[in-house]
Amino acid sequence: MLKKILLSTFMISGIAAASELKASNIVVQSAAIAVEVSDITQLNKAIAAAKPGDVIVMADGSWNNAEINFNANATEKAPVTLKAKNPGKVVLTGSSSLVFSKPYLVVDGLFYTKGTTKENTVIAFNSNYCHLTNTAIVDYNPSEKEKGYYWVFFSGNYNKMDHCFFKGKSNFQPLIGNDQDDSRY
């Protein structure tokens, strides 16, 4: 079941809801919500329905083979955030992967471990102005050491990765890659 929690018009957990001024009256539109999801089907529905400023909260537990195409509509002033309910407690295994497909998206607190991706990258930035934070990838390797892939690959401009942890990469290719043509800034 999707849980929708209406966010206040003021600052709650670092998220400011949208407001609009009209003539002499202040009219506040509270459009930002937090949605808690517990499986990949709910997650995909929440991403498709997300509005700028929304927060999608992944329930703690194991997420096996969760291939996430994060393509929510967001804006510079109202990014859409995908976050772990408790950082490090959302454990992505199997062939789990993440692709940032649209700008102004934030991912926070995921933990990838003991898996391998079907593609050439565990986390791919295929857009601009996205942010990965507080995320870990540990021992996420294919069984064939010769198979080369990146754990994080940047294709797009003005993307950011901070406060992340990586350990145990044992296959070919560097841990982090950068597209030569599309990632200048």
Protein backbone atom coordinates (compact mmCIF):
# COMPACT_ATOMS: atom_id res chain seq x y z
CA MET A 1 0.00 0.00 0.00
CA LEU A 2 1.30 3.47 -0.85
CA LYS A 3 1.39 5.82 2.11
CA LYS A 4 1.00 9.48 1.20
CA ILE A 5 2.00 12.03 3.79
CA LEU A 6 1.24 15.67 3.05
CA LEU A 7 4.18 17.88 3.87
CA SER A 8 3.69 21.15 5.66
CA THR A 9 4.06 24.45 3.86
CA PHE A 10 7.15 25.14 5.93
CA MET A 11 10.43 23.28 6.30
CA ILE A 12 10.05 19.61 7.25
CA SER A 13 13.08 17.33 7.12
CA GLY A 14 14.79 19.73 4.75
CA ILE A 15 11.95 19.88 2.23
CA ALA A 16 10.17 23.14 1.54
CA ALA A 17 6.72 22.92 -0.01
CA ALA A 18 5.80 25.28 -2.82
CA SER A 19 4.12 28.57 -2.02
CA GLU A 20 2.55 31.25 -4.17
CA LEU A 21 1.91 34.93 -3.43
CA LYS A 22 -1.26 36.59 -4.75
CA ALA A 23 -2.00 40.34 -4.50
CA SER A 24 -2.36 41.24 -0.80
CA ASN A 25 -3.15 37.68 0.37
CA ILE A 26 -0.73 34.84 0.77
CA VAL A 27 -2.03 31.65 -0.79
CA VAL A 28 -0.04 28.56 0.04
CA GLN A 29 -0.17 25.54 -2.22
CA SER A 30 1.13 22.43 -0.55
CA ALA A 31 1.94 20.07 -3.39
CA ALA A 32 4.91 18.17 -2.01
CA ILE A 33 4.24 14.75 -0.51
CA ALA A 34 6.25 11.87 0.88
CA VAL A 35 5.31 8.42 -0.40
CA GLU A 36 6.58 5.25 1.26
CA VAL A 37 7.00 2.22 -0.99
CA SER A 38 7.87 -1.37 -0.17
CA ASP A 39 8.44 -3.05 -3.56
CA ILE A 40 9.56 -2.25 -7.10
CA THR A 41 6.01 -2.04 -8.48
CA GLN A 42 5.06 0.60 -5.91
CA LEU A 43 8.35 2.39 -6.52
CA ASN A 44 7.77 2.60 -10.27
CA LYS A 45 4.23 3.93 -9.71
CA ALA A 46 5.51 6.51 -7.22
CA ILE A 47 8.21 7.69 -9.64
CA ALA A 48 5.66 8.03 -12.45
CA ALA A 49 3.28 10.01 -10.21
CA ALA A 50 5.90 12.19 -8.50
CA LYS A 51 5.56 15.94 -8.69
CA PRO A 52 8.36 18.47 -8.13
CA GLY A 53 9.34 18.53 -4.45
CA ASP A 54 8.02 15.05 -3.65
CA VAL A 55 9.99 12.52 -1.61
CA ILE A 56 9.82 8.79 -2.32
CA VAL A 57 10.85 6.73 0.71
CA MET A 58 12.01 3.16 0.16
CA ALA A 59 11.12 0.80 3.01
CA ASP A 60 13.95 -0.91 4.85
CA GLY A 61 14.77 -4.43 3.73
CA SER A 62 16.16 -6.37 0.81
CA TRP A 63 15.35 -5.15 -2.70
CA ASN A 64 16.44 -7.94 -5.05
CA ASN A 65 16.81 -7.23 -8.80
CA ALA A 66 15.44 -3.69 -8.41
CA GLU A 67 16.28 -1.97 -11.69
CA ILE A 68 15.36 1.66 -10.98
CA ASN A 69 14.84 4.12 -13.82
CA PHE A 70 14.55 7.35 -11.83
CA ASN A 71 12.75 9.58 -14.33
CA ALA A 72 10.46 11.74 -12.20
CA ASN A 73 9.66 15.31 -13.26
CA ALA A 74 11.49 17.76 -11.02
CA THR A 75 12.68 21.36 -11.08
CA GLU A 76 15.77 23.18 -9.85
CA LYS A 77 13.86 24.63 -6.88
CA ALA A 78 11.86 21.47 -6.21
CA PRO A 79 13.89 18.30 -6.84
CA VAL A 80 12.34 14.87 -6.42
CA THR A 81 14.15 12.78 -3.82
CA LEU A 82 14.38 8.99 -3.63
CA LYS A 83 15.67 7.99 -0.21
CA ALA A 84 16.07 5.08 2.14
CA LYS A 85 13.74 5.12 5.12
CA ASN A 86 16.87 4.53 7.18
CA PRO A 87 20.21 5.06 5.40
CA GLY A 88 22.00 1.77 4.76
CA LYS A 89 18.92 -0.32 5.59
CA VAL A 90 17.60 -0.40 2.02
CA VAL A 91 19.77 -3.21 0.65
CA LEU A 92 19.87 -3.63 -3.14
CA THR A 93 21.10 -7.05 -4.32
CA GLY A 94 20.95 -9.33 -7.35
CA SER A 95 20.93 -7.30 -10.58
CA SER A 96 19.77 -4.06 -8.96
CA SER A 97 20.79 -0.82 -10.67
CA LEU A 98 19.89 2.86 -10.80
CA VAL A 99 19.65 5.29 -13.72
CA PHE A 100 19.11 9.03 -13.30
CA SER A 101 17.08 9.77 -16.46
CA LYS A 102 15.83 13.33 -15.88
CA PRO A 103 17.34 16.43 -14.26
CA TYR A 104 17.07 17.62 -10.64
CA LEU A 105 16.78 14.22 -8.98
CA VAL A 106 18.34 13.23 -5.64
CA VAL A 107 19.08 9.72 -4.32
CA ASP A 108 20.02 9.32 -0.66
CA GLY A 109 21.01 6.42 1.58
CA LEU A 110 20.92 3.27 -0.63
CA PHE A 111 23.19 0.24 -0.10
CA TYR A 112 24.17 -1.99 -3.05
CA THR A 113 25.88 -5.24 -2.07
CA LYS A 114 26.62 -8.78 -3.23
CA GLY A 115 25.17 -8.40 -6.69
CA THR A 116 26.04 -7.70 -10.28
CA THR A 117 24.30 -5.57 -12.84
CA LYS A 118 23.08 -6.75 -16.25
CA GLU A 119 24.30 -3.51 -17.82
CA ASN A 120 27.73 -1.87 -17.74
CA THR A 121 27.02 0.37 -14.74
CA VAL A 122 25.48 0.00 -11.28
CA ILE A 123 24.55 3.70 -11.03
CA ALA A 124 24.32 5.79 -14.22
CA PHE A 125 23.89 9.55 -14.45
CA ASN A 126 22.15 9.94 -17.84
CA SER A 127 20.92 13.47 -17.16
CA ASN A 128 21.99 16.81 -15.71
CA TYR A 129 21.88 18.35 -12.21
CA CYS A 130 21.36 15.07 -10.33
CA HIS A 131 22.78 14.22 -6.90
CA LEU A 132 23.80 10.91 -5.32
CA THR A 133 24.56 11.05 -1.60
CA ASN A 134 25.08 8.77 1.41
CA THR A 135 25.07 5.67 -0.79
CA ALA A 136 27.34 2.62 -0.65
CA ILE A 137 28.36 -0.04 -3.15
CA VAL A 138 30.17 -3.03 -1.61
CA ASP A 139 31.28 -6.25 -3.34
CA TYR A 140 29.06 -5.70 -6.39
CA ASN A 141 30.99 -7.72 -8.97
CA PRO A 142 30.24 -10.10 -11.82
CA SER A 143 31.39 -13.69 -11.50
CA GLU A 144 33.70 -13.19 -14.53
CA LYS A 145 36.56 -10.89 -13.46
CA GLU A 146 37.23 -9.99 -17.10
CA LYS A 147 33.80 -8.39 -17.52
CA GLY A 148 34.37 -4.67 -17.29
CA TYR A 149 31.88 -2.23 -15.91
CA TYR A 150 31.73 0.87 -13.76
CA TRP A 151 30.05 1.18 -10.42
CA VAL A 152 29.18 4.82 -11.20
CA PHE A 153 29.17 6.43 -14.65
CA PHE A 154 28.56 10.11 -15.41
CA SER A 155 26.96 11.14 -18.70
CA GLY A 156 25.55 14.62 -18.31
CA ASN A 157 26.60 17.91 -16.77
CA TYR A 158 26.53 19.41 -13.27
CA ASN A 159 25.91 16.08 -11.53
CA LYS A 160 27.13 15.55 -7.97
CA MET A 161 28.15 12.58 -5.84
CA ASP A 162 29.14 13.02 -2.19
CA HIS A 163 29.36 11.13 1.10
CA CYS A 164 29.38 7.75 -0.68
CA PHE A 165 31.34 4.61 0.19
CA PHE A 166 32.79 2.04 -2.22
CA LYS A 167 34.56 -1.21 -1.30
CA GLY A 168 35.53 -4.48 -2.96
CA LYS A 169 35.49 -3.75 -6.70
CA SER A 170 37.37 -6.60 -8.36
CA ASN A 171 36.53 -6.48 -12.08
CA PHE A 172 37.90 -4.50 -15.03
CA GLN A 173 37.21 -0.77 -15.60
CA PRO A 174 37.65 2.00 -13.06
CA LEU A 175 35.18 2.37 -10.22
CA ILE A 176 33.91 5.71 -11.59
CA GLY A 177 33.71 6.67 -15.25
CA ASN A 178 33.00 9.91 -17.06
CA ASP A 179 31.60 10.23 -20.60
CA GLN A 180 34.18 12.06 -22.70
CA ASP A 181 31.60 13.85 -24.83
CA ASP A 182 28.73 14.60 -22.48
CA SER A 183 30.16 15.34 -19.05
CA ARG A 184 32.08 18.56 -19.12
CA TYR A 185 30.95 20.17 -15.85
